[in-house]
Amino acid sequence: MSRVLEDLYSPETLYLLIPCPNAQHGLPTNTDKFLPNPQLATCPLALEMFEFVGKLMGMSLRANLCLPFHFPSLIWKRLLGHEVLR
């Protein structure tokens, strides 16, 4: 399962997730985090793939797996319904 997640972060395979702006600009925090690629927001195949990522996340939680989902706190807060400060 970890190998599947590694492919999510690889620009050579899917390009579903992209490095967060901090990584792109060399800022010191969250350089190892990834965001959904906004260019794929309207692509039906990409939306199905994002849904699959969500299912992987749910499976990981349910089975107590420690899978490496490299998302910044902004994404986790949104998933939990918490307010994101700007």
PDB file of N, CA and C in Angstrom:
ATOM      1  N   MET A   1       0.819  -1.190   0.000  1.00  0.00           N
ATOM      2  CA  MET A   1       0.000   0.000   0.000  1.00  0.00           C
ATOM      3  C   MET A   1       0.865   1.258   0.000  1.00  0.00           C
ATOM      4  N   SER A   2       1.978   1.199   0.708  1.00  0.00           N
ATOM      5  CA  SER A   2       2.858   2.367   0.731  1.00  0.00           C
ATOM      6  C   SER A   2       3.367   2.683  -0.668  1.00  0.00           C
ATOM      7  N   ARG A   3       3.598   1.661  -1.463  1.00  0.00           N
ATOM      8  CA  ARG A   3       4.079   1.855  -2.845  1.00  0.00           C
ATOM      9  C   ARG A   3       3.020   2.574  -3.684  1.00  0.00           C
ATOM     10  N   VAL A   4       1.767   2.250  -3.479  1.00  0.00           N
ATOM     11  CA  VAL A   4       0.688   2.938  -4.191  1.00  0.00           C
ATOM     12  C   VAL A   4       0.711   4.423  -3.847  1.00  0.00           C
ATOM     13  N   LEU A   5       0.900   4.730  -2.573  1.00  0.00           N
ATOM     14  CA  LEU A   5       0.944   6.132  -2.159  1.00  0.00           C
ATOM     15  C   LEU A   5       2.174   6.848  -2.695  1.00  0.00           C
ATOM     16  N   GLU A   6       3.288   6.156  -2.770  1.00  0.00           N
ATOM     17  CA  GLU A   6       4.484   6.775  -3.350  1.00  0.00           C
ATOM     18  C   GLU A   6       4.218   7.208  -4.790  1.00  0.00           C
ATOM     19  N   ASP A   7       3.469   6.410  -5.522  1.00  0.00           N
ATOM     20  CA  ASP A   7       3.136   6.767  -6.905  1.00  0.00           C
ATOM     21  C   ASP A   7       2.255   8.005  -6.976  1.00  0.00           C
ATOM     22  N   LEU A   8       1.453   8.237  -5.952  1.00  0.00           N
ATOM     23  CA  LEU A   8       0.612   9.439  -5.932  1.00  0.00           C
ATOM     24  C   LEU A   8       1.451  10.708  -5.939  1.00  0.00           C
ATOM     25  N   TYR A   9       2.592  10.646  -5.278  1.00  0.00           N
ATOM     26  CA  TYR A   9       3.440  11.835  -5.139  1.00  0.00           C
ATOM     27  C   TYR A   9       4.477  11.966  -6.242  1.00  0.00           C
ATOM     28  N   SER A  10       4.534  11.022  -7.118  1.00  0.00           N
ATOM     29  CA  SER A  10       5.537  11.034  -8.173  1.00  0.00           C
ATOM     30  C   SER A  10       5.034  11.831  -9.386  1.00  0.00           C
ATOM     31  N   PRO A  11       5.776  12.857  -9.823  1.00  0.00           N
ATOM     32  CA  PRO A  11       5.348  13.624 -10.994  1.00  0.00           C
ATOM     33  C   PRO A  11       5.443  12.820 -12.292  1.00  0.00           C
ATOM     34  N   GLU A  12       6.183  11.715 -12.284  1.00  0.00           N
ATOM     35  CA  GLU A  12       6.317  10.905 -13.488  1.00  0.00           C
ATOM     36  C   GLU A  12       5.117  10.000 -13.728  1.00  0.00           C
ATOM     37  N   THR A  13       4.297   9.759 -12.695  1.00  0.00           N
ATOM     38  CA  THR A  13       3.218   8.791 -12.859  1.00  0.00           C
ATOM     39  C   THR A  13       1.857   9.450 -13.040  1.00  0.00           C
ATOM     40  N   LEU A  14       1.360  10.129 -12.036  1.00  0.00           N
ATOM     41  CA  LEU A  14      -0.025  10.589 -12.085  1.00  0.00           C
ATOM     42  C   LEU A  14      -0.188  12.101 -12.205  1.00  0.00           C
ATOM     43  N   TYR A  15       0.644  12.848 -11.529  1.00  0.00           N
ATOM     44  CA  TYR A  15       0.516  14.302 -11.451  1.00  0.00           C
ATOM     45  C   TYR A  15      -0.804  14.710 -10.800  1.00  0.00           C
ATOM     46  N   LEU A  16      -1.368  13.789  -9.989  1.00  0.00           N
ATOM     47  CA  LEU A  16      -2.607  14.056  -9.278  1.00  0.00           C
ATOM     48  C   LEU A  16      -2.365  15.017  -8.126  1.00  0.00           C
ATOM     49  N   LEU A  17      -1.227  14.848  -7.472  1.00  0.00           N
ATOM     50  CA  LEU A  17      -0.835  15.712  -6.364  1.00  0.00           C
ATOM     51  C   LEU A  17       0.438  16.446  -6.752  1.00  0.00           C
ATOM     52  N   ILE A  18       0.506  17.706  -6.366  1.00  0.00           N
ATOM     53  CA  ILE A  18       1.679  18.517  -6.690  1.00  0.00           C
ATOM     54  C   ILE A  18       2.309  19.033  -5.398  1.00  0.00           C
ATOM     55  N   PRO A  19       3.596  19.319  -5.414  1.00  0.00           N
ATOM     56  CA  PRO A  19       4.231  19.878  -4.215  1.00  0.00           C
ATOM     57  C   PRO A  19       3.552  21.185  -3.806  1.00  0.00           C
ATOM     58  N   CYS A  20       3.436  21.389  -2.500  1.00  0.00           N
ATOM     59  CA  CYS A  20       2.804  22.622  -2.027  1.00  0.00           C
ATOM     60  C   CYS A  20       3.693  23.822  -2.396  1.00  0.00           C
ATOM     61  N   PRO A  21       3.130  25.010  -2.407  1.00  0.00           N
ATOM     62  CA  PRO A  21       3.898  26.193  -2.808  1.00  0.00           C
ATOM     63  C   PRO A  21       5.181  26.400  -1.999  1.00  0.00           C
ATOM     64  N   ASN A  22       5.173  26.026  -0.731  1.00  0.00           N
ATOM     65  CA  ASN A  22       6.396  26.181   0.063  1.00  0.00           C
ATOM     66  C   ASN A  22       7.542  25.375  -0.532  1.00  0.00           C
ATOM     67  N   ALA A  23       7.249  24.177  -1.002  1.00  0.00           N
ATOM     68  CA  ALA A  23       8.295  23.353  -1.617  1.00  0.00           C
ATOM     69  C   ALA A  23       8.738  23.953  -2.947  1.00  0.00           C
ATOM     70  N   GLN A  24       7.796  24.510  -3.691  1.00  0.00           N
ATOM     71  CA  GLN A  24       8.116  25.092  -4.990  1.00  0.00           C
ATOM     72  C   GLN A  24       8.988  26.332  -4.853  1.00  0.00           C
ATOM     73  N   HIS A  25       8.809  27.065  -3.732  1.00  0.00           N
ATOM     74  CA  HIS A  25       9.548  28.317  -3.552  1.00  0.00           C
ATOM     75  C   HIS A  25      10.668  28.212  -2.525  1.00  0.00           C
ATOM     76  N   GLY A  26      10.904  27.012  -2.010  1.00  0.00           N
ATOM     77  CA  GLY A  26      12.021  26.811  -1.094  1.00  0.00           C
ATOM     78  C   GLY A  26      11.817  27.384   0.294  1.00  0.00           C
ATOM     79  N   LEU A  27      10.574  27.530   0.740  1.00  0.00           N
ATOM     80  CA  LEU A  27      10.312  28.019   2.097  1.00  0.00           C
ATOM     81  C   LEU A  27      10.524  26.882   3.090  1.00  0.00           C
ATOM     82  N   PRO A  28      10.825  27.204   4.345  1.00  0.00           N
ATOM     83  CA  PRO A  28      11.295  26.169   5.272  1.00  0.00           C
ATOM     84  C   PRO A  28      10.251  25.176   5.799  1.00  0.00           C
ATOM     85  N   THR A  29       8.962  25.481   5.747  1.00  0.00           N
ATOM     86  CA  THR A  29       7.973  24.554   6.311  1.00  0.00           C
ATOM     87  C   THR A  29       7.140  23.895   5.218  1.00  0.00           C
ATOM     88  N   ASN A  30       6.689  22.706   5.500  1.00  0.00           N
ATOM     89  CA  ASN A  30       5.819  21.937   4.595  1.00  0.00           C
ATOM     90  C   ASN A  30       6.444  21.650   3.235  1.00  0.00           C
ATOM     91  N   THR A  31       7.749  21.570   3.165  1.00  0.00           N
ATOM     92  CA  THR A  31       8.378  21.310   1.867  1.00  0.00           C
ATOM     93  C   THR A  31       8.167  19.874   1.400  1.00  0.00           C
ATOM     94  N   ASP A  32       7.755  19.003   2.311  1.00  0.00           N
ATOM     95  CA  ASP A  32       7.516  17.605   1.949  1.00  0.00           C
ATOM     96  C   ASP A  32       6.025  17.295   1.787  1.00  0.00           C
ATOM     97  N   LYS A  33       5.196  18.325   1.697  1.00  0.00           N
ATOM     98  CA  LYS A  33       3.743  18.148   1.611  1.00  0.00           C
ATOM     99  C   LYS A  33       3.246  18.362   0.185  1.00  0.00           C
ATOM    100  N   PHE A  34       2.064  17.793  -0.089  1.00  0.00           N
ATOM    101  CA  PHE A  34       1.484  17.847  -1.428  1.00  0.00           C
ATOM    102  C   PHE A  34       0.036  18.307  -1.376  1.00  0.00           C
ATOM    103  N   LEU A  35      -0.405  18.943  -2.453  1.00  0.00           N
ATOM    104  CA  LEU A  35      -1.774  19.423  -2.602  1.00  0.00           C
ATOM    105  C   LEU A  35      -2.393  18.804  -3.851  1.00  0.00           C
ATOM    106  N   PRO A  36      -3.724  18.702  -3.887  1.00  0.00           N
ATOM    107  CA  PRO A  36      -4.356  18.263  -5.133  1.00  0.00           C
ATOM    108  C   PRO A  36      -4.041  19.228  -6.266  1.00  0.00           C
ATOM    109  N   ASN A  37      -3.812  18.699  -7.430  1.00  0.00           N
ATOM    110  CA  ASN A  37      -3.503  19.516  -8.595  1.00  0.00           C
ATOM    111  C   ASN A  37      -4.769  20.246  -9.045  1.00  0.00           C
ATOM    112  N   PRO A  38      -4.820  21.586  -8.948  1.00  0.00           N
ATOM    113  CA  PRO A  38      -6.040  22.316  -9.301  1.00  0.00           C
ATOM    114  C   PRO A  38      -6.378  22.240 -10.791  1.00  0.00           C
ATOM    115  N   GLN A  39      -5.413  21.933 -11.626  1.00  0.00           N
ATOM    116  CA  GLN A  39      -5.689  21.822 -13.059  1.00  0.00           C
ATOM    117  C   GLN A  39      -6.549  20.607 -13.385  1.00  0.00           C
ATOM    118  N   LEU A  40      -6.638  19.679 -12.436  1.00  0.00           N
ATOM    119  CA  LEU A  40      -7.412  18.464 -12.666  1.00  0.00           C
ATOM    120  C   LEU A  40      -8.791  18.506 -12.020  1.00  0.00           C
ATOM    121  N   ALA A  41      -9.192  19.667 -11.513  1.00  0.00           N
ATOM    122  CA  ALA A  41     -10.441  19.780 -10.756  1.00  0.00           C
ATOM    123  C   ALA A  41     -11.682  19.446 -11.569  1.00  0.00           C
ATOM    124  N   THR A  42     -11.633  19.587 -12.868  1.00  0.00           N
ATOM    125  CA  THR A  42     -12.814  19.312 -13.689  1.00  0.00           C
ATOM    126  C   THR A  42     -12.695  18.033 -14.505  1.00  0.00           C
ATOM    127  N   CYS A  43     -11.605  17.332 -14.372  1.00  0.00           N
ATOM    128  CA  CYS A  43     -11.379  16.097 -15.127  1.00  0.00           C
ATOM    129  C   CYS A  43     -12.095  14.934 -14.431  1.00  0.00           C
ATOM    130  N   PRO A  44     -13.046  14.285 -15.104  1.00  0.00           N
ATOM    131  CA  PRO A  44     -13.784  13.187 -14.471  1.00  0.00           C
ATOM    132  C   PRO A  44     -12.885  12.046 -13.981  1.00  0.00           C
ATOM    133  N   LEU A  45     -11.871  11.693 -14.742  1.00  0.00           N
ATOM    134  CA  LEU A  45     -10.962  10.626 -14.317  1.00  0.00           C
ATOM    135  C   LEU A  45     -10.209  11.029 -13.057  1.00  0.00           C
ATOM    136  N   ALA A  46      -9.737  12.276 -13.007  1.00  0.00           N
ATOM    137  CA  ALA A  46      -9.011  12.750 -11.830  1.00  0.00           C
ATOM    138  C   ALA A  46      -9.920  12.754 -10.600  1.00  0.00           C
ATOM    139  N   LEU A  47     -11.176  13.136 -10.779  1.00  0.00           N
ATOM    140  CA  LEU A  47     -12.107  13.139  -9.649  1.00  0.00           C
ATOM    141  C   LEU A  47     -12.318  11.720  -9.120  1.00  0.00           C
ATOM    142  N   GLU A  48     -12.379  10.754 -10.000  1.00  0.00           N
ATOM    143  CA  GLU A  48     -12.481   9.358  -9.566  1.00  0.00           C
ATOM    144  C   GLU A  48     -11.218   8.936  -8.818  1.00  0.00           C
ATOM    145  N   MET A  49     -10.080   9.419  -9.281  1.00  0.00           N
ATOM    146  CA  MET A  49      -8.821   9.084  -8.622  1.00  0.00           C
ATOM    147  C   MET A  49      -8.741   9.728  -7.238  1.00  0.00           C
ATOM    148  N   PHE A  50      -9.224  10.973  -7.117  1.00  0.00           N
ATOM    149  CA  PHE A  50      -9.262  11.625  -5.803  1.00  0.00           C
ATOM    150  C   PHE A  50     -10.190  10.857  -4.864  1.00  0.00           C
ATOM    151  N   GLU A  51     -11.295  10.361  -5.399  1.00  0.00           N
ATOM    152  CA  GLU A  51     -12.210   9.554  -4.589  1.00  0.00           C
ATOM    153  C   GLU A  51     -11.502   8.288  -4.105  1.00  0.00           C
ATOM    154  N   PHE A  52     -10.697   7.693  -4.976  1.00  0.00           N
ATOM    155  CA  PHE A  52      -9.929   6.510  -4.590  1.00  0.00           C
ATOM    156  C   PHE A  52      -8.937   6.849  -3.476  1.00  0.00           C
ATOM    157  N   VAL A  53      -8.305   8.010  -3.561  1.00  0.00           N
ATOM    158  CA  VAL A  53      -7.380   8.437  -2.501  1.00  0.00           C
ATOM    159  C   VAL A  53      -8.140   8.541  -1.179  1.00  0.00           C
ATOM    160  N   GLY A  54      -9.353   9.090  -1.232  1.00  0.00           N
ATOM    161  CA  GLY A  54     -10.176   9.176  -0.028  1.00  0.00           C
ATOM    162  C   GLY A  54     -10.496   7.806   0.538  1.00  0.00           C
ATOM    163  N   LYS A  55     -10.769   6.847  -0.334  1.00  0.00           N
ATOM    164  CA  LYS A  55     -11.034   5.479   0.129  1.00  0.00           C
ATOM    165  C   LYS A  55      -9.785   4.870   0.754  1.00  0.00           C
ATOM    166  N   LEU A  56      -8.623   5.158   0.182  1.00  0.00           N
ATOM    167  CA  LEU A  56      -7.369   4.682   0.789  1.00  0.00           C
ATOM    168  C   LEU A  56      -7.177   5.271   2.183  1.00  0.00           C
ATOM    169  N   MET A  57      -7.521   6.545   2.318  1.00  0.00           N
ATOM    170  CA  MET A  57      -7.398   7.191   3.623  1.00  0.00           C
ATOM    171  C   MET A  57      -8.330   6.523   4.635  1.00  0.00           C
ATOM    172  N   GLY A  58      -9.569   6.267   4.223  1.00  0.00           N
ATOM    173  CA  GLY A  58     -10.519   5.608   5.112  1.00  0.00           C
ATOM    174  C   GLY A  58     -10.063   4.206   5.486  1.00  0.00           C
ATOM    175  N   MET A  59      -9.564   3.468   4.508  1.00  0.00           N
ATOM    176  CA  MET A  59      -9.070   2.122   4.767  1.00  0.00           C
ATOM    177  C   MET A  59      -7.892   2.161   5.734  1.00  0.00           C
ATOM    178  N   SER A  60      -7.029   3.138   5.555  1.00  0.00           N
ATOM    179  CA  SER A  60      -5.868   3.286   6.420  1.00  0.00           C
ATOM    180  C   SER A  60      -6.299   3.519   7.871  1.00  0.00           C
ATOM    181  N   LEU A  61      -7.289   4.380   8.059  1.00  0.00           N
ATOM    182  CA  LEU A  61      -7.781   4.654   9.410  1.00  0.00           C
ATOM    183  C   LEU A  61      -8.461   3.430  10.014  1.00  0.00           C
ATOM    184  N   ARG A  62      -9.298   2.790   9.223  1.00  0.00           N
ATOM    185  CA  ARG A  62     -10.061   1.645   9.730  1.00  0.00           C
ATOM    186  C   ARG A  62      -9.150   0.468  10.108  1.00  0.00           C
ATOM    187  N   ALA A  63      -8.095   0.257   9.357  1.00  0.00           N
ATOM    188  CA  ALA A  63      -7.192  -0.868   9.599  1.00  0.00           C
ATOM    189  C   ALA A  63      -5.995  -0.497  10.473  1.00  0.00           C
ATOM    190  N   ASN A  64      -5.972   0.733  10.992  1.00  0.00           N
ATOM    191  CA  ASN A  64      -4.851   1.216  11.810  1.00  0.00           C
ATOM    192  C   ASN A  64      -3.520   1.097  11.093  1.00  0.00           C
ATOM    193  N   LEU A  65      -3.524   1.400   9.805  1.00  0.00           N
ATOM    194  CA  LEU A  65      -2.286   1.421   9.034  1.00  0.00           C
ATOM    195  C   LEU A  65      -1.676   2.810   9.132  1.00  0.00           C
ATOM    196  N   CYS A  66      -0.397   2.862   9.114  1.00  0.00           N
ATOM    197  CA  CYS A  66       0.296   4.149   9.156  1.00  0.00           C
ATOM    198  C   CYS A  66       0.798   4.462   7.749  1.00  0.00           C
ATOM    199  N   LEU A  67      -0.129   4.844   6.875  1.00  0.00           N
ATOM    200  CA  LEU A  67       0.246   5.139   5.497  1.00  0.00           C
ATOM    201  C   LEU A  67       0.663   6.598   5.370  1.00  0.00           C
ATOM    202  N   PRO A  68       1.640   6.871   4.531  1.00  0.00           N
ATOM    203  CA  PRO A  68       2.193   8.233   4.429  1.00  0.00           C
ATOM    204  C   PRO A  68       1.369   9.166   3.533  1.00  0.00           C
ATOM    205  N   PHE A  69       0.341   9.775   4.098  1.00  0.00           N
ATOM    206  CA  PHE A  69      -0.411  10.801   3.374  1.00  0.00           C
ATOM    207  C   PHE A  69       0.260  12.139   3.679  1.00  0.00           C
ATOM    208  N   HIS A  70       0.977  12.673   2.712  1.00  0.00           N
ATOM    209  CA  HIS A  70       1.778  13.880   2.918  1.00  0.00           C
ATOM    210  C   HIS A  70       0.983  15.128   2.531  1.00  0.00           C
ATOM    211  N   PHE A  71      -0.013  15.458   3.354  1.00  0.00           N
ATOM    212  CA  PHE A  71      -0.812  16.658   3.107  1.00  0.00           C
ATOM    213  C   PHE A  71      -0.495  17.701   4.164  1.00  0.00           C
ATOM    214  N   PRO A  72      -0.519  18.985   3.804  1.00  0.00           N
ATOM    215  CA  PRO A  72      -0.316  20.029   4.811  1.00  0.00           C
ATOM    216  C   PRO A  72      -1.548  20.144   5.713  1.00  0.00           C
ATOM    217  N   SER A  73      -1.391  20.840   6.817  1.00  0.00           N
ATOM    218  CA  SER A  73      -2.487  20.973   7.781  1.00  0.00           C
ATOM    219  C   SER A  73      -3.728  21.598   7.144  1.00  0.00           C
ATOM    220  N   LEU A  74      -3.554  22.430   6.133  1.00  0.00           N
ATOM    221  CA  LEU A  74      -4.682  23.036   5.429  1.00  0.00           C
ATOM    222  C   LEU A  74      -5.644  21.967   4.915  1.00  0.00           C
ATOM    223  N   ILE A  75      -5.128  20.918   4.329  1.00  0.00           N
ATOM    224  CA  ILE A  75      -5.954  19.829   3.788  1.00  0.00           C
ATOM    225  C   ILE A  75      -6.610  19.045   4.919  1.00  0.00           C
ATOM    226  N   TRP A  76      -5.842  18.705   5.943  1.00  0.00           N
ATOM    227  CA  TRP A  76      -6.404  17.928   7.051  1.00  0.00           C
ATOM    228  C   TRP A  76      -7.508  18.704   7.751  1.00  0.00           C
ATOM    229  N   LYS A  77      -7.313  20.003   7.948  1.00  0.00           N
ATOM    230  CA  LYS A  77      -8.355  20.814   8.600  1.00  0.00           C
ATOM    231  C   LYS A  77      -9.633  20.817   7.769  1.00  0.00           C
ATOM    232  N   ARG A  78      -9.499  20.979   6.462  1.00  0.00           N
ATOM    233  CA  ARG A  78     -10.674  20.975   5.593  1.00  0.00           C
ATOM    234  C   ARG A  78     -11.398  19.630   5.639  1.00  0.00           C
ATOM    235  N   LEU A  79     -10.636  18.543   5.653  1.00  0.00           N
ATOM    236  CA  LEU A  79     -11.241  17.209   5.706  1.00  0.00           C
ATOM    237  C   LEU A  79     -12.015  16.988   7.008  1.00  0.00           C
ATOM    238  N   LEU A  80     -11.535  17.593   8.094  1.00  0.00           N
ATOM    239  CA  LEU A  80     -12.186  17.448   9.390  1.00  0.00           C
ATOM    240  C   LEU A  80     -13.266  18.494   9.621  1.00  0.00           C
ATOM    241  N   GLY A  81     -13.435  19.419   8.674  1.00  0.00           N
ATOM    242  CA  GLY A  81     -14.458  20.450   8.810  1.00  0.00           C
ATOM    243  C   GLY A  81     -14.060  21.590   9.722  1.00  0.00           C
ATOM    244  N   HIS A  82     -12.780  21.719  10.016  1.00  0.00           N
ATOM    245  CA  HIS A  82     -12.302  22.818  10.860  1.00  0.00           C
ATOM    246  C   HIS A  82     -12.113  24.080  10.012  1.00  0.00           C
ATOM    247  N   GLU A  83     -12.173  25.204  10.681  1.00  0.00           N
ATOM    248  CA  GLU A  83     -11.981  26.482   9.992  1.00  0.00           C
ATOM    249  C   GLU A  83     -10.518  26.642   9.590  1.00  0.00           C
ATOM    250  N   VAL A  84     -10.314  27.122   8.386  1.00  0.00           N
ATOM    251  CA  VAL A  84      -8.959  27.385   7.896  1.00  0.00           C
ATOM    252  C   VAL A  84      -8.774  28.886   7.887  1.00  0.00           C
ATOM    253  N   LEU A  85      -7.801  29.350   8.664  1.00  0.00           N
ATOM    254  CA  LEU A  85      -7.528  30.779   8.738  1.00  0.00           C
ATOM    255  C   LEU A  85      -6.715  31.221   7.543  1.00  0.00           C
ATOM    256  N   ARG A  86      -6.995  32.381   7.049  1.00  0.00           N
ATOM    257  CA  ARG A  86      -6.241  32.920   5.917  1.00  0.00           C
ATOM    258  C   ARG A  86      -5.257  33.943   6.357  1.00  0.00           C
TER     259      ARG A  86
END
